Amino acid sequence: MKCFNHHQADAVGICKKCNKGLCPDCAVDSDAGITCKGKCETTRQSIIQRKRRRMLIFALLGIFYIMLGLLWSDTVIKAWHIFIAVGMVLLVRSFELCYSWIILKRKGQAMKTAN
């Protein structure tokens, strides 16, 4: 396969974002894997950072709702179990995001060691 930008050069990898063949001059080996220099490189890094941020937000919100439900369990509010359920759903979503974030990081590290 040849490089998308330099048709005479052989490709050493494929961009994880746009699936174009890349030569050593066009490829950037990041934590997220091989990407094109420029836009694809920053886009892939921002995806990883966004997943990490969302994971932390969901975890904190889940803990907050569970604590709120536990605090209100002895009071007049009878819907405390709903707060605990919402908190559990948010924590499960946080674990899903954590898993996908770890997979993305591992794929990037595997691509670094392969080259």
PDB file of N, CA and C in Angstrom:
ATOM      1  N   MET A   1       0.851  -1.165   0.000  1.00  0.00           N
ATOM      2  CA  MET A   1       0.000   0.000   0.000  1.00  0.00           C
ATOM      3  C   MET A   1       0.901   1.234   0.000  1.00  0.00           C
ATOM      4  N   LYS A   2       0.457   2.273  -0.675  1.00  0.00           N
ATOM      5  CA  LYS A   2       1.198   3.523  -0.768  1.00  0.00           C
ATOM      6  C   LYS A   2       0.585   4.579   0.147  1.00  0.00           C
ATOM      7  N   CYS A   3       1.372   5.581   0.462  1.00  0.00           N
ATOM      8  CA  CYS A   3       0.922   6.687   1.309  1.00  0.00           C
ATOM      9  C   CYS A   3      -0.139   7.505   0.571  1.00  0.00           C
ATOM     10  N   PHE A   4      -1.138   7.968   1.294  1.00  0.00           N
ATOM     11  CA  PHE A   4      -2.209   8.765   0.702  1.00  0.00           C
ATOM     12  C   PHE A   4      -1.682  10.105   0.197  1.00  0.00           C
ATOM     13  N   ASN A   5      -0.757  10.711   0.927  1.00  0.00           N
ATOM     14  CA  ASN A   5      -0.230  12.027   0.549  1.00  0.00           C
ATOM     15  C   ASN A   5       0.970  11.948  -0.381  1.00  0.00           C
ATOM     16  N   HIS A   6       1.821  10.954  -0.193  1.00  0.00           N
ATOM     17  CA  HIS A   6       3.035  10.775  -1.001  1.00  0.00           C
ATOM     18  C   HIS A   6       2.899   9.455  -1.754  1.00  0.00           C
ATOM     19  N   HIS A   7       2.425   9.517  -2.963  1.00  0.00           N
ATOM     20  CA  HIS A   7       2.071   8.308  -3.733  1.00  0.00           C
ATOM     21  C   HIS A   7       3.266   7.420  -4.060  1.00  0.00           C
ATOM     22  N   GLN A   8       4.482   7.950  -3.991  1.00  0.00           N
ATOM     23  CA  GLN A   8       5.664   7.150  -4.283  1.00  0.00           C
ATOM     24  C   GLN A   8       6.173   6.392  -3.058  1.00  0.00           C
ATOM     25  N   ALA A   9       5.775   6.800  -1.860  1.00  0.00           N
ATOM     26  CA  ALA A   9       6.279   6.191  -0.620  1.00  0.00           C
ATOM     27  C   ALA A   9       5.358   5.067  -0.145  1.00  0.00           C
ATOM     28  N   ASP A  10       5.980   4.032   0.406  1.00  0.00           N
ATOM     29  CA  ASP A  10       5.205   2.927   0.975  1.00  0.00           C
ATOM     30  C   ASP A  10       4.599   3.348   2.308  1.00  0.00           C
ATOM     31  N   ALA A  11       3.398   2.869   2.569  1.00  0.00           N
ATOM     32  CA  ALA A  11       2.717   3.177   3.832  1.00  0.00           C
ATOM     33  C   ALA A  11       3.244   2.273   4.938  1.00  0.00           C
ATOM     34  N   VAL A  12       3.406   2.830   6.129  1.00  0.00           N
ATOM     35  CA  VAL A  12       3.847   2.048   7.285  1.00  0.00           C
ATOM     36  C   VAL A  12       2.693   1.766   8.240  1.00  0.00           C
ATOM     37  N   GLY A  13       1.557   2.402   8.014  1.00  0.00           N
ATOM     38  CA  GLY A  13       0.404   2.207   8.878  1.00  0.00           C
ATOM     39  C   GLY A  13      -0.825   2.889   8.313  1.00  0.00           C
ATOM     40  N   ILE A  14      -1.935   2.701   9.000  1.00  0.00           N
ATOM     41  CA  ILE A  14      -3.210   3.283   8.589  1.00  0.00           C
ATOM     42  C   ILE A  14      -3.714   4.171   9.711  1.00  0.00           C
ATOM     43  N   CYS A  15      -4.183   5.357   9.363  1.00  0.00           N
ATOM     44  CA  CYS A  15      -4.704   6.302  10.342  1.00  0.00           C
ATOM     45  C   CYS A  15      -5.931   5.704  11.031  1.00  0.00           C
ATOM     46  N   LYS A  16      -5.977   5.792  12.369  1.00  0.00           N
ATOM     47  CA  LYS A  16      -7.099   5.254  13.140  1.00  0.00           C
ATOM     48  C   LYS A  16      -8.372   6.067  12.948  1.00  0.00           C
ATOM     49  N   LYS A  17      -8.244   7.300  12.496  1.00  0.00           N
ATOM     50  CA  LYS A  17      -9.413   8.166  12.343  1.00  0.00           C
ATOM     51  C   LYS A  17      -9.975   8.114  10.925  1.00  0.00           C
ATOM     52  N   CYS A  18      -9.122   8.325   9.914  1.00  0.00           N
ATOM     53  CA  CYS A  18      -9.627   8.446   8.534  1.00  0.00           C
ATOM     54  C   CYS A  18      -9.296   7.246   7.654  1.00  0.00           C
ATOM     55  N   ASN A  19      -8.564   6.256   8.182  1.00  0.00           N
ATOM     56  CA  ASN A  19      -8.238   5.009   7.472  1.00  0.00           C
ATOM     57  C   ASN A  19      -7.438   5.211   6.190  1.00  0.00           C
ATOM     58  N   LYS A  20      -6.566   6.211   6.161  1.00  0.00           N
ATOM     59  CA  LYS A  20      -5.695   6.450   5.013  1.00  0.00           C
ATOM     60  C   LYS A  20      -4.333   5.845   5.293  1.00  0.00           C
ATOM     61  N   GLY A  21      -3.690   5.351   4.235  1.00  0.00           N
ATOM     62  CA  GLY A  21      -2.340   4.836   4.370  1.00  0.00           C
ATOM     63  C   GLY A  21      -1.363   5.976   4.612  1.00  0.00           C
ATOM     64  N   LEU A  22      -0.381   5.751   5.498  1.00  0.00           N
ATOM     65  CA  LEU A  22       0.544   6.818   5.876  1.00  0.00           C
ATOM     66  C   LEU A  22       1.988   6.341   5.791  1.00  0.00           C
ATOM     67  N   CYS A  23       2.853   7.211   5.266  1.00  0.00           N
ATOM     68  CA  CYS A  23       4.287   6.950   5.244  1.00  0.00           C
ATOM     69  C   CYS A  23       4.886   7.466   6.557  1.00  0.00           C
ATOM     70  N   PRO A  24       6.159   7.207   6.828  1.00  0.00           N
ATOM     71  CA  PRO A  24       6.760   7.683   8.079  1.00  0.00           C
ATOM     72  C   PRO A  24       6.706   9.208   8.251  1.00  0.00           C
ATOM     73  N   ASP A  25       6.717   9.959   7.146  1.00  0.00           N
ATOM     74  CA  ASP A  25       6.662  11.418   7.236  1.00  0.00           C
ATOM     75  C   ASP A  25       5.273  11.915   7.641  1.00  0.00           C
ATOM     76  N   CYS A  26       4.240  11.182   7.283  1.00  0.00           N
ATOM     77  CA  CYS A  26       2.862  11.619   7.554  1.00  0.00           C
ATOM     78  C   CYS A  26       2.290  11.039   8.845  1.00  0.00           C
ATOM     79  N   ALA A  27       2.866   9.967   9.350  1.00  0.00           N
ATOM     80  CA  ALA A  27       2.309   9.270  10.507  1.00  0.00           C
ATOM     81  C   ALA A  27       2.812   9.858  11.816  1.00  0.00           C
ATOM     82  N   VAL A  28       1.925   9.878  12.793  1.00  0.00           N
ATOM     83  CA  VAL A  28       2.267  10.275  14.155  1.00  0.00           C
ATOM     84  C   VAL A  28       1.837   9.135  15.068  1.00  0.00           C
ATOM     85  N   ASP A  29       2.765   8.660  15.883  1.00  0.00           N
ATOM     86  CA  ASP A  29       2.473   7.568  16.810  1.00  0.00           C
ATOM     87  C   ASP A  29       2.099   8.175  18.154  1.00  0.00           C
ATOM     88  N   SER A  30       0.807   8.200  18.444  1.00  0.00           N
ATOM     89  CA  SER A  30       0.328   8.800  19.690  1.00  0.00           C
ATOM     90  C   SER A  30      -0.152   7.703  20.629  1.00  0.00           C
ATOM     91  N   ASP A  31      -0.660   8.098  21.795  1.00  0.00           N
ATOM     92  CA  ASP A  31      -1.221   7.130  22.738  1.00  0.00           C
ATOM     93  C   ASP A  31      -2.419   6.421  22.146  1.00  0.00           C
ATOM     94  N   ALA A  32      -3.065   7.040  21.192  1.00  0.00           N
ATOM     95  CA  ALA A  32      -4.265   6.479  20.601  1.00  0.00           C
ATOM     96  C   ALA A  32      -3.975   5.609  19.386  1.00  0.00           C
ATOM     97  N   GLY A  33      -2.724   5.488  18.966  1.00  0.00           N
ATOM     98  CA  GLY A  33      -2.371   4.715  17.791  1.00  0.00           C
ATOM     99  C   GLY A  33      -1.828   5.623  16.708  1.00  0.00           C
ATOM    100  N   ILE A  34      -1.650   5.085  15.522  1.00  0.00           N
ATOM    101  CA  ILE A  34      -1.121   5.862  14.407  1.00  0.00           C
ATOM    102  C   ILE A  34      -2.228   6.737  13.829  1.00  0.00           C
ATOM    103  N   THR A  35      -1.918   8.020  13.677  1.00  0.00           N
ATOM    104  CA  THR A  35      -2.859   8.970  13.080  1.00  0.00           C
ATOM    105  C   THR A  35      -2.111   9.891  12.136  1.00  0.00           C
ATOM    106  N   CYS A  36      -2.859  10.611  11.314  1.00  0.00           N
ATOM    107  CA  CYS A  36      -2.282  11.622  10.430  1.00  0.00           C
ATOM    108  C   CYS A  36      -1.780  12.790  11.266  1.00  0.00           C
ATOM    109  N   LYS A  37      -0.755  13.459  10.772  1.00  0.00           N
ATOM    110  CA  LYS A  37      -0.304  14.678  11.441  1.00  0.00           C
ATOM    111  C   LYS A  37      -1.377  15.737  11.275  1.00  0.00           C
ATOM    112  N   GLY A  38      -1.631  16.478  12.325  1.00  0.00           N
ATOM    113  CA  GLY A  38      -2.592  17.571  12.228  1.00  0.00           C
ATOM    114  C   GLY A  38      -3.924  17.225  12.848  1.00  0.00           C
ATOM    115  N   LYS A  39      -4.983  17.351  12.043  1.00  0.00           N
ATOM    116  CA  LYS A  39      -6.354  17.253  12.560  1.00  0.00           C
ATOM    117  C   LYS A  39      -6.669  15.891  13.175  1.00  0.00           C
ATOM    118  N   CYS A  40      -6.340  14.813  12.504  1.00  0.00           N
ATOM    119  CA  CYS A  40      -6.654  13.476  13.034  1.00  0.00           C
ATOM    120  C   CYS A  40      -5.917  13.215  14.339  1.00  0.00           C
ATOM    121  N   GLU A  41      -4.703  13.723  14.448  1.00  0.00           N
ATOM    122  CA  GLU A  41      -3.916  13.537  15.672  1.00  0.00           C
ATOM    123  C   GLU A  41      -4.592  14.203  16.865  1.00  0.00           C
ATOM    124  N   THR A  42      -5.012  15.438  16.700  1.00  0.00           N
ATOM    125  CA  THR A  42      -5.652  16.149  17.804  1.00  0.00           C
ATOM    126  C   THR A  42      -7.047  15.607  18.081  1.00  0.00           C
ATOM    127  N   THR A  43      -7.759  15.163  17.044  1.00  0.00           N
ATOM    128  CA  THR A  43      -9.093  14.603  17.231  1.00  0.00           C
ATOM    129  C   THR A  43      -9.026  13.331  18.063  1.00  0.00           C
ATOM    130  N   ARG A  44      -8.095  12.451  17.772  1.00  0.00           N
ATOM    131  CA  ARG A  44      -7.963  11.186  18.497  1.00  0.00           C
ATOM    132  C   ARG A  44      -7.589  11.428  19.961  1.00  0.00           C
ATOM    133  N   GLN A  45      -6.692  12.354  20.206  1.00  0.00           N
ATOM    134  CA  GLN A  45      -6.314  12.673  21.582  1.00  0.00           C
ATOM    135  C   GLN A  45      -7.485  13.277  22.352  1.00  0.00           C
ATOM    136  N   SER A  46      -8.277  14.113  21.675  1.00  0.00           N
ATOM    137  CA  SER A  46      -9.417  14.728  22.360  1.00  0.00           C
ATOM    138  C   SER A  46     -10.486  13.691  22.702  1.00  0.00           C
ATOM    139  N   ILE A  47     -10.629  12.649  21.894  1.00  0.00           N
ATOM    140  CA  ILE A  47     -11.580  11.578  22.193  1.00  0.00           C
ATOM    141  C   ILE A  47     -11.182  10.877  23.492  1.00  0.00           C
ATOM    142  N   ILE A  48      -9.904  10.584  23.644  1.00  0.00           N
ATOM    143  CA  ILE A  48      -9.423   9.914  24.852  1.00  0.00           C
ATOM    144  C   ILE A  48      -9.631  10.800  26.075  1.00  0.00           C
ATOM    145  N   GLN A  49      -9.295  12.079  25.950  1.00  0.00           N
ATOM    146  CA  GLN A  49      -9.479  12.998  27.076  1.00  0.00           C
ATOM    147  C   GLN A  49     -10.949  13.186  27.426  1.00  0.00           C
ATOM    148  N   ARG A  50     -11.805  13.251  26.417  1.00  0.00           N
ATOM    149  CA  ARG A  50     -13.240  13.425  26.654  1.00  0.00           C
ATOM    150  C   ARG A  50     -13.827  12.210  27.375  1.00  0.00           C
ATOM    151  N   LYS A  51     -13.408  11.007  26.977  1.00  0.00           N
ATOM    152  CA  LYS A  51     -13.893   9.795  27.651  1.00  0.00           C
ATOM    153  C   LYS A  51     -13.472   9.784  29.111  1.00  0.00           C
ATOM    154  N   ARG A  52     -12.227  10.193  29.380  1.00  0.00           N
ATOM    155  CA  ARG A  52     -11.754  10.222  30.753  1.00  0.00           C
ATOM    156  C   ARG A  52     -12.531  11.227  31.592  1.00  0.00           C
ATOM    157  N   ARG A  53     -12.791  12.405  31.025  1.00  0.00           N
ATOM    158  CA  ARG A  53     -13.548  13.429  31.736  1.00  0.00           C
ATOM    159  C   ARG A  53     -14.969  12.960  32.029  1.00  0.00           C
ATOM    160  N   ARG A  54     -15.633  12.370  31.029  1.00  0.00           N
ATOM    161  CA  ARG A  54     -17.002  11.879  31.219  1.00  0.00           C
ATOM    162  C   ARG A  54     -17.046  10.760  32.241  1.00  0.00           C
ATOM    163  N   MET A  55     -16.031   9.902  32.242  1.00  0.00           N
ATOM    164  CA  MET A  55     -15.971   8.817  33.211  1.00  0.00           C
ATOM    165  C   MET A  55     -15.936   9.375  34.633  1.00  0.00           C
ATOM    166  N   LEU A  56     -15.107  10.386  34.857  1.00  0.00           N
ATOM    167  CA  LEU A  56     -15.001  10.982  36.185  1.00  0.00           C
ATOM    168  C   LEU A  56     -16.287  11.697  36.598  1.00  0.00           C
ATOM    169  N   ILE A  57     -16.912  12.393  35.655  1.00  0.00           N
ATOM    170  CA  ILE A  57     -18.163  13.095  35.965  1.00  0.00           C
ATOM    171  C   ILE A  57     -19.261  12.106  36.330  1.00  0.00           C
ATOM    172  N   PHE A  58     -19.403  11.034  35.555  1.00  0.00           N
ATOM    173  CA  PHE A  58     -20.424  10.033  35.854  1.00  0.00           C
ATOM    174  C   PHE A  58     -20.172   9.380  37.213  1.00  0.00           C
ATOM    175  N   ALA A  59     -18.906   9.106  37.527  1.00  0.00           N
ATOM    176  CA  ALA A  59     -18.586   8.487  38.816  1.00  0.00           C
ATOM    177  C   ALA A  59     -18.943   9.420  39.970  1.00  0.00           C
ATOM    178  N   LEU A  60     -18.577  10.680  39.853  1.00  0.00           N
ATOM    179  CA  LEU A  60     -18.887  11.633  40.921  1.00  0.00           C
ATOM    180  C   LEU A  60     -20.386  11.844  41.086  1.00  0.00           C
ATOM    181  N   LEU A  61     -21.099  11.952  39.976  1.00  0.00           N
ATOM    182  CA  LEU A  61     -22.552  12.101  40.061  1.00  0.00           C
ATOM    183  C   LEU A  61     -23.208  10.859  40.658  1.00  0.00           C
ATOM    184  N   GLY A  62     -22.712   9.682  40.284  1.00  0.00           N
ATOM    185  CA  GLY A  62     -23.251   8.445  40.839  1.00  0.00           C
ATOM    186  C   GLY A  62     -23.073   8.372  42.341  1.00  0.00           C
ATOM    187  N   ILE A  63     -21.888   8.714  42.795  1.00  0.00           N
ATOM    188  CA  ILE A  63     -21.636   8.713  44.244  1.00  0.00           C
ATOM    189  C   ILE A  63     -22.510   9.755  44.946  1.00  0.00           C
ATOM    190  N   PHE A  64     -22.660  10.924  44.330  1.00  0.00           N
ATOM    191  CA  PHE A  64     -23.500  11.974  44.910  1.00  0.00           C
ATOM    192  C   PHE A  64     -24.949  11.504  45.066  1.00  0.00           C
ATOM    193  N   TYR A  65     -25.516  10.900  44.016  1.00  0.00           N
ATOM    194  CA  TYR A  65     -26.909  10.445  44.083  1.00  0.00           C
ATOM    195  C   TYR A  65     -27.086   9.312  45.098  1.00  0.00           C
ATOM    196  N   ILE A  66     -26.131   8.417  45.174  1.00  0.00           N
ATOM    197  CA  ILE A  66     -26.228   7.341  46.161  1.00  0.00           C
ATOM    198  C   ILE A  66     -26.173   7.910  47.579  1.00  0.00           C
ATOM    199  N   MET A  67     -25.259   8.837  47.816  1.00  0.00           N
ATOM    200  CA  MET A  67     -25.168   9.463  49.148  1.00  0.00           C
ATOM    201  C   MET A  67     -26.443  10.234  49.473  1.00  0.00           C
ATOM    202  N   LEU A  68     -26.998  10.926  48.490  1.00  0.00           N
ATOM    203  CA  LEU A  68     -28.237  11.665  48.693  1.00  0.00           C
ATOM    204  C   LEU A  68     -29.382  10.719  49.047  1.00  0.00           C
ATOM    205  N   GLY A  69     -29.458   9.596  48.337  1.00  0.00           N
ATOM    206  CA  GLY A  69     -30.482   8.603  48.637  1.00  0.00           C
ATOM    207  C   GLY A  69     -30.325   8.011  50.020  1.00  0.00           C
ATOM    208  N   LEU A  70     -29.092   7.737  50.423  1.00  0.00           N
ATOM    209  CA  LEU A  70     -28.857   7.189  51.763  1.00  0.00           C
ATOM    210  C   LEU A  70     -29.168   8.201  52.856  1.00  0.00           C
ATOM    211  N   LEU A  71     -28.866   9.455  52.597  1.00  0.00           N
ATOM    212  CA  LEU A  71     -29.178  10.498  53.585  1.00  0.00           C
ATOM    213  C   LEU A  71     -30.685  10.676  53.764  1.00  0.00           C
ATOM    214  N   TRP A  72     -31.422  10.544  52.682  1.00  0.00           N
ATOM    215  CA  TRP A  72     -32.866  10.756  52.723  1.00  0.00           C
ATOM    216  C   TRP A  72     -33.650   9.485  53.050  1.00  0.00           C
ATOM    217  N   SER A  73     -32.983   8.380  53.242  1.00  0.00           N
ATOM    218  CA  SER A  73     -33.700   7.119  53.477  1.00  0.00           C
ATOM    219  C   SER A  73     -34.476   7.122  54.789  1.00  0.00           C
ATOM    220  N   ASP A  74     -34.049   7.893  55.775  1.00  0.00           N
ATOM    221  CA  ASP A  74     -34.735   7.936  57.072  1.00  0.00           C
ATOM    222  C   ASP A  74     -35.681   9.123  57.212  1.00  0.00           C
ATOM    223  N   THR A  75     -35.810   9.911  56.160  1.00  0.00           N
ATOM    224  CA  THR A  75     -36.644  11.113  56.258  1.00  0.00           C
ATOM    225  C   THR A  75     -38.011  10.880  55.627  1.00  0.00           C
ATOM    226  N   VAL A  76     -38.741  11.942  55.483  1.00  0.00           N
ATOM    227  CA  VAL A  76     -40.104  11.891  54.947  1.00  0.00           C
ATOM    228  C   VAL A  76     -40.122  11.573  53.453  1.00  0.00           C
ATOM    229  N   ILE A  77     -39.046  11.894  52.747  1.00  0.00           N
ATOM    230  CA  ILE A  77     -39.005  11.679  51.299  1.00  0.00           C
ATOM    231  C   ILE A  77     -39.022  10.172  51.025  1.00  0.00           C
ATOM    232  N   LYS A  78     -40.041   9.719  50.314  1.00  0.00           N
ATOM    233  CA  LYS A  78     -40.209   8.284  50.067  1.00  0.00           C
ATOM    234  C   LYS A  78     -39.549   7.824  48.764  1.00  0.00           C
ATOM    235  N   ALA A  79     -38.986   8.748  48.005  1.00  0.00           N
ATOM    236  CA  ALA A  79     -38.379   8.393  46.723  1.00  0.00           C
ATOM    237  C   ALA A  79     -36.864   8.238  46.825  1.00  0.00           C
ATOM    238  N   TRP A  80     -36.355   7.931  48.005  1.00  0.00           N
ATOM    239  CA  TRP A  80     -34.912   7.816  48.193  1.00  0.00           C
ATOM    240  C   TRP A  80     -34.323   6.685  47.364  1.00  0.00           C
ATOM    241  N   HIS A  81     -35.104   5.629  47.158  1.00  0.00           N
ATOM    242  CA  HIS A  81     -34.596   4.490  46.387  1.00  0.00           C
ATOM    243  C   HIS A  81     -34.370   4.863  44.923  1.00  0.00           C
ATOM    244  N   ILE A  82     -35.097   5.857  44.434  1.00  0.00           N
ATOM    245  CA  ILE A  82     -34.892   6.316  43.060  1.00  0.00           C
ATOM    246  C   ILE A  82     -33.528   6.993  42.938  1.00  0.00           C
ATOM    247  N   PHE A  83     -33.145   7.769  43.947  1.00  0.00           N
ATOM    248  CA  PHE A  83     -31.826   8.406  43.917  1.00  0.00           C
ATOM    249  C   PHE A  83     -30.718   7.363  43.928  1.00  0.00           C
ATOM    250  N   ILE A  84     -30.887   6.325  44.719  1.00  0.00           N
ATOM    251  CA  ILE A  84     -29.874   5.269  44.763  1.00  0.00           C
ATOM    252  C   ILE A  84     -29.817   4.534  43.423  1.00  0.00           C
ATOM    253  N   ALA A  85     -30.964   4.288  42.817  1.00  0.00           N
ATOM    254  CA  ALA A  85     -30.988   3.613  41.513  1.00  0.00           C
ATOM    255  C   ALA A  85     -30.310   4.462  40.441  1.00  0.00           C
ATOM    256  N   VAL A  86     -30.604   5.749  40.431  1.00  0.00           N
ATOM    257  CA  VAL A  86     -29.962   6.645  39.460  1.00  0.00           C
ATOM    258  C   VAL A  86     -28.452   6.672  39.698  1.00  0.00           C
ATOM    259  N   GLY A  87     -28.042   6.717  40.953  1.00  0.00           N
ATOM    260  CA  GLY A  87     -26.619   6.689  41.268  1.00  0.00           C
ATOM    261  C   GLY A  87     -25.945   5.421  40.788  1.00  0.00           C
ATOM    262  N   MET A  88     -26.609   4.296  40.946  1.00  0.00           N
ATOM    263  CA  MET A  88     -26.042   3.023  40.478  1.00  0.00           C
ATOM    264  C   MET A  88     -25.916   2.995  38.957  1.00  0.00           C
ATOM    265  N   VAL A  89     -26.924   3.511  38.264  1.00  0.00           N
ATOM    266  CA  VAL A  89     -26.863   3.572  36.793  1.00  0.00           C
ATOM    267  C   VAL A  89     -25.692   4.449  36.355  1.00  0.00           C
ATOM    268  N   LEU A  90     -25.518   5.574  37.012  1.00  0.00           N
ATOM    269  CA  LEU A  90     -24.404   6.459  36.670  1.00  0.00           C
ATOM    270  C   LEU A  90     -23.051   5.796  36.943  1.00  0.00           C
ATOM    271  N   LEU A  91     -22.947   5.050  38.018  1.00  0.00           N
ATOM    272  CA  LEU A  91     -21.694   4.341  38.301  1.00  0.00           C
ATOM    273  C   LEU A  91     -21.415   3.249  37.277  1.00  0.00           C
ATOM    274  N   VAL A  92     -22.443   2.534  36.861  1.00  0.00           N
ATOM    275  CA  VAL A  92     -22.260   1.502  35.831  1.00  0.00           C
ATOM    276  C   VAL A  92     -21.793   2.141  34.534  1.00  0.00           C
ATOM    277  N   ARG A  93     -22.396   3.266  34.174  1.00  0.00           N
ATOM    278  CA  ARG A  93     -21.976   3.982  32.958  1.00  0.00           C
ATOM    279  C   ARG A  93     -20.530   4.447  33.091  1.00  0.00           C
ATOM    280  N   SER A  94     -20.140   4.859  34.274  1.00  0.00           N
ATOM    281  CA  SER A  94     -18.759   5.272  34.511  1.00  0.00           C
ATOM    282  C   SER A  94     -17.802   4.103  34.301  1.00  0.00           C
ATOM    283  N   PHE A  95     -18.177   2.914  34.768  1.00  0.00           N
ATOM    284  CA  PHE A  95     -17.333   1.739  34.564  1.00  0.00           C
ATOM    285  C   PHE A  95     -17.231   1.375  33.089  1.00  0.00           C
ATOM    286  N   GLU A  96     -18.318   1.523  32.337  1.00  0.00           N
ATOM    287  CA  GLU A  96     -18.280   1.261  30.897  1.00  0.00           C
ATOM    288  C   GLU A  96     -17.323   2.219  30.198  1.00  0.00           C
ATOM    289  N   LEU A  97     -17.388   3.494  30.561  1.00  0.00           N
ATOM    290  CA  LEU A  97     -16.488   4.479  29.975  1.00  0.00           C
ATOM    291  C   LEU A  97     -15.041   4.203  30.370  1.00  0.00           C
ATOM    292  N   CYS A  98     -14.834   3.769  31.585  1.00  0.00           N
ATOM    293  CA  CYS A  98     -13.487   3.433  32.046  1.00  0.00           C
ATOM    294  C   CYS A  98     -12.929   2.273  31.228  1.00  0.00           C
ATOM    295  N   TYR A  99     -13.730   1.274  30.976  1.00  0.00           N
ATOM    296  CA  TYR A  99     -13.303   0.123  30.196  1.00  0.00           C
ATOM    297  C   TYR A  99     -12.934   0.539  28.773  1.00  0.00           C
ATOM    298  N   SER A 100     -13.788   1.344  28.132  1.00  0.00           N
ATOM    299  CA  SER A 100     -13.492   1.770  26.758  1.00  0.00           C
ATOM    300  C   SER A 100     -12.266   2.675  26.721  1.00  0.00           C
ATOM    301  N   TRP A 101     -12.069   3.484  27.749  1.00  0.00           N
ATOM    302  CA  TRP A 101     -10.888   4.341  27.824  1.00  0.00           C
ATOM    303  C   TRP A 101      -9.622   3.495  27.950  1.00  0.00           C
ATOM    304  N   ILE A 102      -9.670   2.459  28.776  1.00  0.00           N
ATOM    305  CA  ILE A 102      -8.517   1.567  28.940  1.00  0.00           C
ATOM    306  C   ILE A 102      -8.199   0.849  27.631  1.00  0.00           C
ATOM    307  N   ILE A 103      -9.236   0.403  26.934  1.00  0.00           N
ATOM    308  CA  ILE A 103      -9.029  -0.278  25.646  1.00  0.00           C
ATOM    309  C   ILE A 103      -8.362   0.665  24.650  1.00  0.00           C
ATOM    310  N   LEU A 104      -8.820   1.911  24.566  1.00  0.00           N
ATOM    311  CA  LEU A 104      -8.205   2.881  23.660  1.00  0.00           C
ATOM    312  C   LEU A 104      -6.739   3.110  24.012  1.00  0.00           C
ATOM    313  N   LYS A 105      -6.438   3.239  25.292  1.00  0.00           N
ATOM    314  CA  LYS A 105      -5.059   3.448  25.711  1.00  0.00           C
ATOM    315  C   LYS A 105      -4.189   2.234  25.372  1.00  0.00           C
ATOM    316  N   ARG A 106      -4.707   1.031  25.588  1.00  0.00           N
ATOM    317  CA  ARG A 106      -3.934  -0.182  25.296  1.00  0.00           C
ATOM    318  C   ARG A 106      -3.678  -0.331  23.810  1.00  0.00           C
ATOM    319  N   LYS A 107      -4.671   0.003  22.985  1.00  0.00           N
ATOM    320  CA  LYS A 107      -4.479  -0.076  21.536  1.00  0.00           C
ATOM    321  C   LYS A 107      -3.380   0.878  21.096  1.00  0.00           C
ATOM    322  N   GLY A 108      -3.372   2.058  21.684  1.00  0.00           N
ATOM    323  CA  GLY A 108      -2.319   3.024  21.355  1.00  0.00           C
ATOM    324  C   GLY A 108      -0.950   2.537  21.778  1.00  0.00           C
ATOM    325  N   GLN A 109      -0.856   1.928  22.960  1.00  0.00           N
ATOM    326  CA  GLN A 109       0.431   1.421  23.431  1.00  0.00           C
ATOM    327  C   GLN A 109       0.873   0.224  22.615  1.00  0.00           C
ATOM    328  N   ALA A 110      -0.069  -0.624  22.172  1.00  0.00           N
ATOM    329  CA  ALA A 110       0.281  -1.779  21.348  1.00  0.00           C
ATOM    330  C   ALA A 110       0.809  -1.323  19.996  1.00  0.00           C
ATOM    331  N   MET A 111       0.232  -0.255  19.462  1.00  0.00           N
ATOM    332  CA  MET A 111       0.700   0.270  18.187  1.00  0.00           C
ATOM    333  C   MET A 111       2.112   0.840  18.327  1.00  0.00           C
ATOM    334  N   LYS A 112       2.417   1.453  19.466  1.00  0.00           N
ATOM    335  CA  LYS A 112       3.763   1.996  19.682  1.00  0.00           C
ATOM    336  C   LYS A 112       4.800   0.881  19.732  1.00  0.00           C
ATOM    337  N   THR A 113       4.486  -0.207  20.429  1.00  0.00           N
ATOM    338  CA  THR A 113       5.464  -1.301  20.559  1.00  0.00           C
ATOM    339  C   THR A 113       5.606  -2.089  19.268  1.00  0.00           C
ATOM    340  N   ALA A 114       4.568  -2.122  18.435  1.00  0.00           N
ATOM    341  CA  ALA A 114       4.627  -2.850  17.169  1.00  0.00           C
ATOM    342  C   ALA A 114       5.553  -2.169  16.176  1.00  0.00           C
ATOM    343  N   ASN A 115       5.656  -0.859  16.297  1.00  0.00           N
ATOM    344  CA  ASN A 115       6.508  -0.119  15.343  1.00  0.00           C
ATOM    345  C   ASN A 115       7.874  -0.021  15.939  1.00  0.00           C
TER     346      ASN A 115
END
